[in-house]
């Protein structure tokens, strides 16, 4: 059976932790950047997660899509907001973003069904 996106989310986190154990300075620096860039400022943390999701779709990074959908939901993003971001990513990224945008929608639906 194929893994669920929630299982893949756990796998990505596990792989990142493994990398952190092998390259702690790099991951510490990355996580500090993540924390600083992602916190509320002029833009809310939710808005920043939605932007990161759009970039993840156009960059075709499945692990990033999984991480940022989960983070956007935790930051209070709605289903409709995420679907609208998927639409903007498709507009900006063309055909490949249709494929990854569709994947993002499947990920969103799986995370919503588990809550």
PDB file of N, CA and C in Angstrom:
ATOM      1  N   UNK A   1       0.839  -1.180   0.000  1.00  0.00           N
ATOM      2  CA  UNK A   1       0.000   0.000   0.000  1.00  0.00           C
ATOM      3  C   UNK A   1       0.886   1.247   0.000  1.00  0.00           C
ATOM      4  N   UNK A   2       0.473   2.231  -0.727  1.00  0.00           N
ATOM      5  CA  UNK A   2       1.193   3.492  -0.800  1.00  0.00           C
ATOM      6  C   UNK A   2       1.064   4.247   0.519  1.00  0.00           C
ATOM      7  N   UNK A   3       2.153   4.915   0.906  1.00  0.00           N
ATOM      8  CA  UNK A   3       2.115   5.695   2.138  1.00  0.00           C
ATOM      9  C   UNK A   3       1.176   6.877   1.987  1.00  0.00           C
ATOM     10  N   UNK A   4       0.590   7.267   3.098  1.00  0.00           N
ATOM     11  CA  UNK A   4      -0.250   8.460   3.094  1.00  0.00           C
ATOM     12  C   UNK A   4       0.647   9.692   3.171  1.00  0.00           C
ATOM     13  N   UNK A   5       0.077  10.834   2.854  1.00  0.00           N
ATOM     14  CA  UNK A   5       0.836  12.083   2.954  1.00  0.00           C
ATOM     15  C   UNK A   5       1.200  12.376   4.404  1.00  0.00           C
ATOM     16  N   UNK A   6       0.355  11.974   5.330  1.00  0.00           N
ATOM     17  CA  UNK A   6       0.689  12.170   6.738  1.00  0.00           C
ATOM     18  C   UNK A   6       1.892  11.301   7.118  1.00  0.00           C
ATOM     19  N   UNK A   7       1.959  10.084   6.573  1.00  0.00           N
ATOM     20  CA  UNK A   7       3.135   9.247   6.796  1.00  0.00           C
ATOM     21  C   UNK A   7       4.371   9.890   6.165  1.00  0.00           C
ATOM     22  N   UNK A   8       4.209  10.432   4.980  1.00  0.00           N
ATOM     23  CA  UNK A   8       5.324  11.110   4.318  1.00  0.00           C
ATOM     24  C   UNK A   8       5.771  12.334   5.116  1.00  0.00           C
ATOM     25  N   UNK A   9       4.819  13.021   5.748  1.00  0.00           N
ATOM     26  CA  UNK A   9       5.151  14.167   6.603  1.00  0.00           C
ATOM     27  C   UNK A   9       6.082  13.710   7.724  1.00  0.00           C
ATOM     28  N   UNK A  10       5.736  12.608   8.354  1.00  0.00           N
ATOM     29  CA  UNK A  10       6.580  12.071   9.426  1.00  0.00           C
ATOM     30  C   UNK A  10       7.941  11.632   8.886  1.00  0.00           C
ATOM     31  N   UNK A  11       7.940  11.056   7.694  1.00  0.00           N
ATOM     32  CA  UNK A  11       9.199  10.623   7.081  1.00  0.00           C
ATOM     33  C   UNK A  11      10.101  11.818   6.785  1.00  0.00           C
ATOM     34  N   UNK A  12       9.543  12.897   6.249  1.00  0.00           N
ATOM     35  CA  UNK A  12      10.331  14.105   5.965  1.00  0.00           C
ATOM     36  C   UNK A  12      10.932  14.647   7.257  1.00  0.00           C
ATOM     37  N   UNK A  13      10.118  14.723   8.310  1.00  0.00           N
ATOM     38  CA  UNK A  13      10.627  15.213   9.600  1.00  0.00           C
ATOM     39  C   UNK A  13      11.749  14.311  10.125  1.00  0.00           C
ATOM     40  N   UNK A  14      11.581  12.999   9.981  1.00  0.00           N
ATOM     41  CA  UNK A  14      12.593  12.040  10.431  1.00  0.00           C
ATOM     42  C   UNK A  14      13.892  12.213   9.634  1.00  0.00           C
ATOM     43  N   UNK A  15      13.762  12.369   8.329  1.00  0.00           N
ATOM     44  CA  UNK A  15      14.949  12.550   7.489  1.00  0.00           C
ATOM     45  C   UNK A  15      15.654  13.866   7.801  1.00  0.00           C
ATOM     46  N   UNK A  16      14.886  14.909   8.080  1.00  0.00           N
ATOM     47  CA  UNK A  16      15.487  16.192   8.460  1.00  0.00           C
ATOM     48  C   UNK A  16      16.211  16.065   9.797  1.00  0.00           C
ATOM     49  N   UNK A  17      15.638  15.315  10.724  1.00  0.00           N
ATOM     50  CA  UNK A  17      16.292  15.105  12.020  1.00  0.00           C
ATOM     51  C   UNK A  17      17.590  14.320  11.840  1.00  0.00           C
ATOM     52  N   UNK A  18      17.584  13.347  10.945  1.00  0.00           N
ATOM     53  CA  UNK A  18      18.795  12.573  10.666  1.00  0.00           C
ATOM     54  C   UNK A  18      19.870  13.497  10.080  1.00  0.00           C
ATOM     55  N   UNK A  19      19.475  14.357   9.141  1.00  0.00           N
ATOM     56  CA  UNK A  19      20.428  15.300   8.572  1.00  0.00           C
ATOM     57  C   UNK A  19      20.956  16.236   9.658  1.00  0.00           C
ATOM     58  N   UNK A  20      20.080  16.649  10.560  1.00  0.00           N
ATOM     59  CA  UNK A  20      20.488  17.536  11.659  1.00  0.00           C
ATOM     60  C   UNK A  20      21.522  16.864  12.547  1.00  0.00           C
ATOM     61  N   UNK A  21      21.390  15.563  12.740  1.00  0.00           N
ATOM     62  CA  UNK A  21      22.373  14.869  13.573  1.00  0.00           C
ATOM     63  C   UNK A  21      23.733  14.769  12.879  1.00  0.00           C
ATOM     64  N   UNK A  22      23.715  14.773  11.559  1.00  0.00           N
ATOM     65  CA  UNK A  22      24.964  14.679  10.799  1.00  0.00           C
ATOM     66  C   UNK A  22      25.544  16.047  10.455  1.00  0.00           C
ATOM     67  N   UNK A  23      24.701  17.048  10.399  1.00  0.00           N
ATOM     68  CA  UNK A  23      25.142  18.400  10.056  1.00  0.00           C
ATOM     69  C   UNK A  23      24.417  19.412  10.947  1.00  0.00           C
ATOM     70  N   UNK A  24      24.711  19.379  12.243  1.00  0.00           N
ATOM     71  CA  UNK A  24      23.942  20.182  13.189  1.00  0.00           C
ATOM     72  C   UNK A  24      24.033  21.694  12.958  1.00  0.00           C
ATOM     73  N   UNK A  25      25.174  22.188  12.554  1.00  0.00           N
ATOM     74  CA  UNK A  25      25.290  23.637  12.363  1.00  0.00           C
ATOM     75  C   UNK A  25      24.430  24.122  11.204  1.00  0.00           C
ATOM     76  N   UNK A  26      24.418  23.358  10.124  1.00  0.00           N
ATOM     77  CA  UNK A  26      23.599  23.746   8.968  1.00  0.00           C
ATOM     78  C   UNK A  26      22.127  23.750   9.347  1.00  0.00           C
ATOM     79  N   UNK A  27      21.650  22.675   9.980  1.00  0.00           N
ATOM     80  CA  UNK A  27      20.232  22.604  10.322  1.00  0.00           C
ATOM     81  C   UNK A  27      19.860  23.610  11.402  1.00  0.00           C
ATOM     82  N   UNK A  28      20.758  23.856  12.349  1.00  0.00           N
ATOM     83  CA  UNK A  28      20.480  24.870  13.362  1.00  0.00           C
ATOM     84  C   UNK A  28      20.291  26.229  12.698  1.00  0.00           C
ATOM     85  N   UNK A  29      21.164  26.550  11.762  1.00  0.00           N
ATOM     86  CA  UNK A  29      21.063  27.826  11.049  1.00  0.00           C
ATOM     87  C   UNK A  29      19.787  27.888  10.211  1.00  0.00           C
ATOM     88  N   UNK A  30      19.486  26.782   9.528  1.00  0.00           N
ATOM     89  CA  UNK A  30      18.271  26.737   8.716  1.00  0.00           C
ATOM     90  C   UNK A  30      17.030  26.918   9.580  1.00  0.00           C
ATOM     91  N   UNK A  31      16.979  26.230  10.703  1.00  0.00           N
ATOM     92  CA  UNK A  31      15.808  26.324  11.572  1.00  0.00           C
ATOM     93  C   UNK A  31      15.684  27.710  12.202  1.00  0.00           C
ATOM     94  N   UNK A  32      16.799  28.361  12.487  1.00  0.00           N
ATOM     95  CA  UNK A  32      16.747  29.742  12.983  1.00  0.00           C
ATOM     96  C   UNK A  32      16.173  30.660  11.911  1.00  0.00           C
ATOM     97  N   UNK A  33      16.612  30.474  10.658  1.00  0.00           N
ATOM     98  CA  UNK A  33      16.066  31.258   9.556  1.00  0.00           C
ATOM     99  C   UNK A  33      14.573  30.994   9.409  1.00  0.00           C
ATOM    100  N   UNK A  34      14.185  29.730   9.481  1.00  0.00           N
ATOM    101  CA  UNK A  34      12.780  29.351   9.386  1.00  0.00           C
ATOM    102  C   UNK A  34      11.960  30.064  10.456  1.00  0.00           C
ATOM    103  N   UNK A  35      12.464  30.059  11.684  1.00  0.00           N
ATOM    104  CA  UNK A  35      11.750  30.689  12.797  1.00  0.00           C
ATOM    105  C   UNK A  35      11.618  32.198  12.609  1.00  0.00           C
ATOM    106  N   UNK A  36      12.710  32.845  12.256  1.00  0.00           N
ATOM    107  CA  UNK A  36      12.701  34.302  12.094  1.00  0.00           C
ATOM    108  C   UNK A  36      11.842  34.713  10.901  1.00  0.00           C
ATOM    109  N   UNK A  37      12.028  34.047   9.774  1.00  0.00           N
ATOM    110  CA  UNK A  37      11.283  34.417   8.568  1.00  0.00           C
ATOM    111  C   UNK A  37       9.798  34.094   8.691  1.00  0.00           C
ATOM    112  N   UNK A  38       9.460  33.061   9.468  1.00  0.00           N
ATOM    113  CA  UNK A  38       8.078  32.611   9.532  1.00  0.00           C
ATOM    114  C   UNK A  38       7.208  33.239  10.598  1.00  0.00           C
ATOM    115  N   UNK A  39       7.813  34.004  11.503  1.00  0.00           N
ATOM    116  CA  UNK A  39       6.994  34.555  12.590  1.00  0.00           C
ATOM    117  C   UNK A  39       6.181  35.759  12.115  1.00  0.00           C
ATOM    118  N   UNK A  40       5.158  36.065  12.902  1.00  0.00           N
ATOM    119  CA  UNK A  40       4.327  37.231  12.589  1.00  0.00           C
ATOM    120  C   UNK A  40       5.176  38.485  12.482  1.00  0.00           C
ATOM    121  N   UNK A  41       4.879  39.268  11.489  1.00  0.00           N
ATOM    122  CA  UNK A  41       5.514  40.563  11.272  1.00  0.00           C
ATOM    123  C   UNK A  41       4.485  41.432  10.565  1.00  0.00           C
ATOM    124  N   UNK A  42       4.903  42.131   9.544  1.00  0.00           N
ATOM    125  CA  UNK A  42       3.942  42.866   8.722  1.00  0.00           C
ATOM    126  C   UNK A  42       2.974  41.865   8.093  1.00  0.00           C
ATOM    127  N   UNK A  43       3.515  40.722   7.672  1.00  0.00           N
ATOM    128  CA  UNK A  43       2.677  39.618   7.207  1.00  0.00           C
ATOM    129  C   UNK A  43       2.497  38.635   8.357  1.00  0.00           C
ATOM    130  N   UNK A  44       1.323  38.065   8.458  1.00  0.00           N
ATOM    131  CA  UNK A  44       1.076  37.066   9.505  1.00  0.00           C
ATOM    132  C   UNK A  44       1.816  35.776   9.181  1.00  0.00           C
ATOM    133  N   UNK A  45       2.038  34.963  10.200  1.00  0.00           N
ATOM    134  CA  UNK A  45       2.657  33.645   9.996  1.00  0.00           C
ATOM    135  C   UNK A  45       1.810  32.820   9.023  1.00  0.00           C
ATOM    136  N   UNK A  46       0.493  32.943   9.105  1.00  0.00           N
ATOM    137  CA  UNK A  46      -0.393  32.220   8.189  1.00  0.00           C
ATOM    138  C   UNK A  46      -0.135  32.639   6.751  1.00  0.00           C
ATOM    139  N   UNK A  47      -0.056  33.931   6.510  1.00  0.00           N
ATOM    140  CA  UNK A  47       0.200  34.427   5.157  1.00  0.00           C
ATOM    141  C   UNK A  47       1.544  33.933   4.656  1.00  0.00           C
ATOM    142  N   UNK A  48       2.538  33.944   5.516  1.00  0.00           N
ATOM    143  CA  UNK A  48       3.869  33.479   5.125  1.00  0.00           C
ATOM    144  C   UNK A  48       3.846  31.994   4.778  1.00  0.00           C
ATOM    145  N   UNK A  49       3.087  31.192   5.504  1.00  0.00           N
ATOM    146  CA  UNK A  49       2.980  29.770   5.176  1.00  0.00           C
ATOM    147  C   UNK A  49       2.269  29.579   3.838  1.00  0.00           C
ATOM    148  N   UNK A  50       1.273  30.397   3.561  1.00  0.00           N
ATOM    149  CA  UNK A  50       0.586  30.302   2.274  1.00  0.00           C
ATOM    150  C   UNK A  50       1.518  30.678   1.121  1.00  0.00           C
ATOM    151  N   UNK A  51       2.346  31.694   1.322  1.00  0.00           N
ATOM    152  CA  UNK A  51       3.345  32.070   0.309  1.00  0.00           C
ATOM    153  C   UNK A  51       4.321  30.914   0.112  1.00  0.00           C
ATOM    154  N   UNK A  52       4.808  30.356   1.218  1.00  0.00           N
ATOM    155  CA  UNK A  52       5.748  29.235   1.133  1.00  0.00           C
ATOM    156  C   UNK A  52       5.116  28.046   0.405  1.00  0.00           C
ATOM    157  N   UNK A  53       3.827  27.816   0.628  1.00  0.00           N
ATOM    158  CA  UNK A  53       3.126  26.742  -0.072  1.00  0.00           C
ATOM    159  C   UNK A  53       3.116  26.996  -1.573  1.00  0.00           C
ATOM    160  N   UNK A  54       2.785  28.209  -1.970  1.00  0.00           N
ATOM    161  CA  UNK A  54       2.771  28.539  -3.401  1.00  0.00           C
ATOM    162  C   UNK A  54       4.128  28.317  -4.044  1.00  0.00           C
ATOM    163  N   UNK A  55       5.176  28.732  -3.366  1.00  0.00           N
ATOM    164  CA  UNK A  55       6.535  28.525  -3.871  1.00  0.00           C
ATOM    165  C   UNK A  55       6.851  27.039  -3.932  1.00  0.00           C
ATOM    166  N   UNK A  56       6.425  26.293  -2.922  1.00  0.00           N
ATOM    167  CA  UNK A  56       6.671  24.843  -2.896  1.00  0.00           C
ATOM    168  C   UNK A  56       6.039  24.144  -4.091  1.00  0.00           C
ATOM    169  N   UNK A  57       4.844  24.584  -4.467  1.00  0.00           N
ATOM    170  CA  UNK A  57       4.155  23.991  -5.614  1.00  0.00           C
ATOM    171  C   UNK A  57       4.896  24.329  -6.898  1.00  0.00           C
ATOM    172  N   UNK A  58       5.261  25.597  -7.090  1.00  0.00           N
ATOM    173  CA  UNK A  58       5.941  25.968  -8.339  1.00  0.00           C
ATOM    174  C   UNK A  58       7.346  25.396  -8.410  1.00  0.00           C
ATOM    175  N   UNK A  59       7.971  25.140  -7.256  1.00  0.00           N
ATOM    176  CA  UNK A  59       9.292  24.505  -7.237  1.00  0.00           C
ATOM    177  C   UNK A  59       9.204  22.981  -7.283  1.00  0.00           C
ATOM    178  N   UNK A  60       7.994  22.439  -7.207  1.00  0.00           N
ATOM    179  CA  UNK A  60       7.747  21.003  -7.313  1.00  0.00           C
ATOM    180  C   UNK A  60       8.431  20.205  -6.212  1.00  0.00           C
ATOM    181  N   UNK A  61       8.263  20.679  -4.976  1.00  0.00           N
ATOM    182  CA  UNK A  61       8.869  20.016  -3.816  1.00  0.00           C
ATOM    183  C   UNK A  61       7.767  19.385  -2.972  1.00  0.00           C
ATOM    184  N   UNK A  62       7.537  18.092  -3.177  1.00  0.00           N
ATOM    185  CA  UNK A  62       6.454  17.411  -2.476  1.00  0.00           C
ATOM    186  C   UNK A  62       6.612  17.505  -0.957  1.00  0.00           C
ATOM    187  N   UNK A  63       7.813  17.272  -0.456  1.00  0.00           N
ATOM    188  CA  UNK A  63       8.036  17.362   0.986  1.00  0.00           C
ATOM    189  C   UNK A  63       7.722  18.750   1.513  1.00  0.00           C
ATOM    190  N   UNK A  64       8.111  19.774   0.746  1.00  0.00           N
ATOM    191  CA  UNK A  64       7.819  21.161   1.143  1.00  0.00           C
ATOM    192  C   UNK A  64       6.314  21.419   1.151  1.00  0.00           C
ATOM    193  N   UNK A  65       5.623  20.907   0.147  1.00  0.00           N
ATOM    194  CA  UNK A  65       4.164  21.068   0.086  1.00  0.00           C
ATOM    195  C   UNK A  65       3.529  20.464   1.333  1.00  0.00           C
ATOM    196  N   UNK A  66       3.953  19.264   1.680  1.00  0.00           N
ATOM    197  CA  UNK A  66       3.407  18.576   2.857  1.00  0.00           C
ATOM    198  C   UNK A  66       3.656  19.403   4.118  1.00  0.00           C
ATOM    199  N   UNK A  67       4.894  19.835   4.307  1.00  0.00           N
ATOM    200  CA  UNK A  67       5.256  20.613   5.493  1.00  0.00           C
ATOM    201  C   UNK A  67       4.461  21.913   5.563  1.00  0.00           C
ATOM    202  N   UNK A  68       4.352  22.622   4.434  1.00  0.00           N
ATOM    203  CA  UNK A  68       3.708  23.943   4.469  1.00  0.00           C
ATOM    204  C   UNK A  68       2.184  23.868   4.515  1.00  0.00           C
ATOM    205  N   UNK A  69       1.583  22.818   3.979  1.00  0.00           N
ATOM    206  CA  UNK A  69       0.135  22.662   4.167  1.00  0.00           C
ATOM    207  C   UNK A  69      -0.157  22.417   5.642  1.00  0.00           C
ATOM    208  N   UNK A  70       0.601  21.530   6.254  1.00  0.00           N
ATOM    209  CA  UNK A  70       0.395  21.253   7.675  1.00  0.00           C
ATOM    210  C   UNK A  70       0.597  22.526   8.500  1.00  0.00           C
ATOM    211  N   UNK A  71       1.665  23.266   8.216  1.00  0.00           N
ATOM    212  CA  UNK A  71       1.944  24.500   8.963  1.00  0.00           C
ATOM    213  C   UNK A  71       0.881  25.567   8.700  1.00  0.00           C
ATOM    214  N   UNK A  72       0.402  25.659   7.465  1.00  0.00           N
ATOM    215  CA  UNK A  72      -0.642  26.646   7.146  1.00  0.00           C
ATOM    216  C   UNK A  72      -1.930  26.321   7.901  1.00  0.00           C
ATOM    217  N   UNK A  73      -2.291  25.053   7.939  1.00  0.00           N
ATOM    218  CA  UNK A  73      -3.487  24.658   8.689  1.00  0.00           C
ATOM    219  C   UNK A  73      -3.324  24.997  10.165  1.00  0.00           C
ATOM    220  N   UNK A  74      -2.149  24.695  10.728  1.00  0.00           N
ATOM    221  CA  UNK A  74      -1.898  25.001  12.141  1.00  0.00           C
ATOM    222  C   UNK A  74      -1.919  26.501  12.397  1.00  0.00           C
ATOM    223  N   UNK A  75      -1.545  27.296  11.390  1.00  0.00           N
ATOM    224  CA  UNK A  75      -1.541  28.754  11.531  1.00  0.00           C
ATOM    225  C   UNK A  75      -2.928  29.351  11.291  1.00  0.00           C
ATOM    226  N   UNK A  76      -3.914  28.501  10.985  1.00  0.00           N
ATOM    227  CA  UNK A  76      -5.287  28.977  10.841  1.00  0.00           C
ATOM    228  C   UNK A  76      -5.779  29.148   9.418  1.00  0.00           C
ATOM    229  N   UNK A  77      -5.009  28.697   8.434  1.00  0.00           N
ATOM    230  CA  UNK A  77      -5.459  28.808   7.043  1.00  0.00           C
ATOM    231  C   UNK A  77      -6.678  27.914   6.823  1.00  0.00           C
ATOM    232  N   UNK A  78      -7.572  28.387   5.990  1.00  0.00           N
ATOM    233  CA  UNK A  78      -8.768  27.615   5.665  1.00  0.00           C
ATOM    234  C   UNK A  78      -8.546  26.802   4.393  1.00  0.00           C
ATOM    235  N   UNK A  79      -9.432  25.856   4.177  1.00  0.00           N
ATOM    236  CA  UNK A  79      -9.423  25.057   2.954  1.00  0.00           C
ATOM    237  C   UNK A  79      -9.455  25.979   1.738  1.00  0.00           C
ATOM    238  N   UNK A  80     -10.381  26.930   1.743  1.00  0.00           N
ATOM    239  CA  UNK A  80     -10.545  27.821   0.589  1.00  0.00           C
ATOM    240  C   UNK A  80      -9.307  28.689   0.351  1.00  0.00           C
ATOM    241  N   UNK A  81      -8.664  29.143   1.413  1.00  0.00           N
ATOM    242  CA  UNK A  81      -7.429  29.931   1.239  1.00  0.00           C
ATOM    243  C   UNK A  81      -6.340  29.087   0.587  1.00  0.00           C
ATOM    244  N   UNK A  82      -6.206  27.845   1.027  1.00  0.00           N
ATOM    245  CA  UNK A  82      -5.182  26.968   0.458  1.00  0.00           C
ATOM    246  C   UNK A  82      -5.495  26.651  -0.999  1.00  0.00           C
ATOM    247  N   UNK A  83      -6.760  26.385  -1.305  1.00  0.00           N
ATOM    248  CA  UNK A  83      -7.144  26.115  -2.694  1.00  0.00           C
ATOM    249  C   UNK A  83      -6.855  27.342  -3.565  1.00  0.00           C
ATOM    250  N   UNK A  84      -7.087  28.529  -3.050  1.00  0.00           N
ATOM    251  CA  UNK A  84      -6.804  29.742  -3.821  1.00  0.00           C
ATOM    252  C   UNK A  84      -5.299  29.896  -4.069  1.00  0.00           C
ATOM    253  N   UNK A  85      -4.481  29.575  -3.079  1.00  0.00           N
ATOM    254  CA  UNK A  85      -3.025  29.606  -3.263  1.00  0.00           C
ATOM    255  C   UNK A  85      -2.612  28.590  -4.326  1.00  0.00           C
ATOM    256  N   UNK A  86      -3.218  27.411  -4.313  1.00  0.00           N
ATOM    257  CA  UNK A  86      -2.924  26.412  -5.343  1.00  0.00           C
ATOM    258  C   UNK A  86      -3.224  27.007  -6.719  1.00  0.00           C
ATOM    259  N   UNK A  87      -4.341  27.715  -6.840  1.00  0.00           N
ATOM    260  CA  UNK A  87      -4.701  28.346  -8.113  1.00  0.00           C
ATOM    261  C   UNK A  87      -3.675  29.376  -8.568  1.00  0.00           C
ATOM    262  N   UNK A  88      -3.185  30.192  -7.653  1.00  0.00           N
ATOM    263  CA  UNK A  88      -2.161  31.187  -7.993  1.00  0.00           C
ATOM    264  C   UNK A  88      -0.872  30.491  -8.419  1.00  0.00           C
ATOM    265  N   UNK A  89      -0.498  29.413  -7.726  1.00  0.00           N
ATOM    266  CA  UNK A  89       0.703  28.669  -8.091  1.00  0.00           C
ATOM    267  C   UNK A  89       0.574  28.066  -9.491  1.00  0.00           C
ATOM    268  N   UNK A  90      -0.598  27.549  -9.812  1.00  0.00           N
ATOM    269  CA  UNK A  90      -0.841  27.013 -11.155  1.00  0.00           C
ATOM    270  C   UNK A  90      -0.707  28.126 -12.188  1.00  0.00           C
ATOM    271  N   UNK A  91      -1.297  29.272 -11.903  1.00  0.00           N
ATOM    272  CA  UNK A  91      -1.209  30.430 -12.803  1.00  0.00           C
ATOM    273  C   UNK A  91       0.249  30.811 -13.059  1.00  0.00           C
ATOM    274  N   UNK A  92       1.055  30.843 -12.007  1.00  0.00           N
ATOM    275  CA  UNK A  92       2.447  31.272 -12.128  1.00  0.00           C
ATOM    276  C   UNK A  92       3.374  30.172 -12.630  1.00  0.00           C
ATOM    277  N   UNK A  93       3.017  28.911 -12.387  1.00  0.00           N
ATOM    278  CA  UNK A  93       3.929  27.815 -12.700  1.00  0.00           C
ATOM    279  C   UNK A  93       3.559  26.964 -13.901  1.00  0.00           C
ATOM    280  N   UNK A  94       2.385  27.187 -14.491  1.00  0.00           N
ATOM    281  CA  UNK A  94       1.996  26.432 -15.674  1.00  0.00           C
ATOM    282  C   UNK A  94       1.683  24.972 -15.391  1.00  0.00           C
ATOM    283  N   UNK A  95       1.865  24.153 -16.437  1.00  0.00           N
ATOM    284  CA  UNK A  95       1.499  22.740 -16.393  1.00  0.00           C
ATOM    285  C   UNK A  95       2.078  21.958 -15.229  1.00  0.00           C
ATOM    286  N   UNK A  96       3.400  22.063 -14.958  1.00  0.00           N
ATOM    287  CA  UNK A  96       3.917  21.313 -13.825  1.00  0.00           C
ATOM    288  C   UNK A  96       3.249  21.697 -12.504  1.00  0.00           C
ATOM    289  N   UNK A  97       2.854  22.947 -12.376  1.00  0.00           N
ATOM    290  CA  UNK A  97       2.183  23.363 -11.145  1.00  0.00           C
ATOM    291  C   UNK A  97       0.769  22.814 -11.062  1.00  0.00           C
ATOM    292  N   UNK A  98       0.159  22.493 -12.203  1.00  0.00           N
ATOM    293  CA  UNK A  98      -1.148  21.828 -12.172  1.00  0.00           C
ATOM    294  C   UNK A  98      -0.985  20.463 -11.498  1.00  0.00           C
ATOM    295  N   UNK A  99       0.061  19.739 -11.870  1.00  0.00           N
ATOM    296  CA  UNK A  99       0.303  18.416 -11.292  1.00  0.00           C
ATOM    297  C   UNK A  99       0.573  18.538  -9.797  1.00  0.00           C
ATOM    298  N   UNK A 100       1.478  19.443  -9.409  1.00  0.00           N
ATOM    299  CA  UNK A 100       1.814  19.572  -7.995  1.00  0.00           C
ATOM    300  C   UNK A 100       0.721  20.297  -7.212  1.00  0.00           C
ATOM    301  N   UNK A 101      -0.030  21.168  -7.860  1.00  0.00           N
ATOM    302  CA  UNK A 101      -1.180  21.783  -7.211  1.00  0.00           C
ATOM    303  C   UNK A 101      -2.254  20.751  -6.906  1.00  0.00           C
ATOM    304  N   UNK A 102      -2.469  19.828  -7.835  1.00  0.00           N
ATOM    305  CA  UNK A 102      -3.429  18.749  -7.613  1.00  0.00           C
ATOM    306  C   UNK A 102      -2.965  17.860  -6.472  1.00  0.00           C
ATOM    307  N   UNK A 103      -1.653  17.613  -6.411  1.00  0.00           N
ATOM    308  CA  UNK A 103      -1.082  16.838  -5.305  1.00  0.00           C
ATOM    309  C   UNK A 103      -1.296  17.590  -3.995  1.00  0.00           C
ATOM    310  N   UNK A 104      -1.106  18.916  -4.011  1.00  0.00           N
ATOM    311  CA  UNK A 104      -1.314  19.729  -2.811  1.00  0.00           C
ATOM    312  C   UNK A 104      -2.753  19.616  -2.320  1.00  0.00           C
ATOM    313  N   UNK A 105      -3.713  19.601  -3.244  1.00  0.00           N
ATOM    314  CA  UNK A 105      -5.111  19.459  -2.855  1.00  0.00           C
ATOM    315  C   UNK A 105      -5.349  18.099  -2.193  1.00  0.00           C
ATOM    316  N   UNK A 106      -4.762  17.044  -2.743  1.00  0.00           N
ATOM    317  CA  UNK A 106      -4.899  15.713  -2.134  1.00  0.00           C
ATOM    318  C   UNK A 106      -4.286  15.691  -0.735  1.00  0.00           C
ATOM    319  N   UNK A 107      -3.136  16.340  -0.571  1.00  0.00           N
ATOM    320  CA  UNK A 107      -2.492  16.420   0.743  1.00  0.00           C
ATOM    321  C   UNK A 107      -3.394  17.158   1.721  1.00  0.00           C
ATOM    322  N   UNK A 108      -3.932  18.313   1.294  1.00  0.00           N
ATOM    323  CA  UNK A 108      -4.834  19.092   2.139  1.00  0.00           C
ATOM    324  C   UNK A 108      -6.010  18.240   2.596  1.00  0.00           C
ATOM    325  N   UNK A 109      -6.628  17.545   1.673  1.00  0.00           N
ATOM    326  CA  UNK A 109      -7.800  16.742   2.018  1.00  0.00           C
ATOM    327  C   UNK A 109      -7.457  15.625   2.997  1.00  0.00           C
ATOM    328  N   UNK A 110      -6.281  15.034   2.834  1.00  0.00           N
ATOM    329  CA  UNK A 110      -5.893  13.979   3.776  1.00  0.00           C
ATOM    330  C   UNK A 110      -5.659  14.562   5.166  1.00  0.00           C
ATOM    331  N   UNK A 111      -4.952  15.688   5.265  1.00  0.00           N
ATOM    332  CA  UNK A 111      -4.724  16.303   6.577  1.00  0.00           C
ATOM    333  C   UNK A 111      -6.050  16.711   7.210  1.00  0.00           C
ATOM    334  N   UNK A 112      -6.958  17.271   6.429  1.00  0.00           N
ATOM    335  CA  UNK A 112      -8.263  17.677   6.985  1.00  0.00           C
ATOM    336  C   UNK A 112      -9.062  16.470   7.458  1.00  0.00           C
ATOM    337  N   UNK A 113      -8.960  15.353   6.766  1.00  0.00           N
ATOM    338  CA  UNK A 113      -9.752  14.177   7.135  1.00  0.00           C
ATOM    339  C   UNK A 113      -9.246  13.532   8.427  1.00  0.00           C
ATOM    340  N   UNK A 114      -8.004  13.802   8.802  1.00  0.00           N
ATOM    341  CA  UNK A 114      -7.423  13.200   9.994  1.00  0.00           C
ATOM    342  C   UNK A 114      -7.610  14.053  11.234  1.00  0.00           C
ATOM    343  N   UNK A 115      -8.210  15.229  11.077  1.00  0.00           N
ATOM    344  CA  UNK A 115      -8.373  16.128  12.242  1.00  0.00           C
ATOM    345  C   UNK A 115      -9.762  16.013  12.808  1.00  0.00           C
TER     346      UNK A 115
END
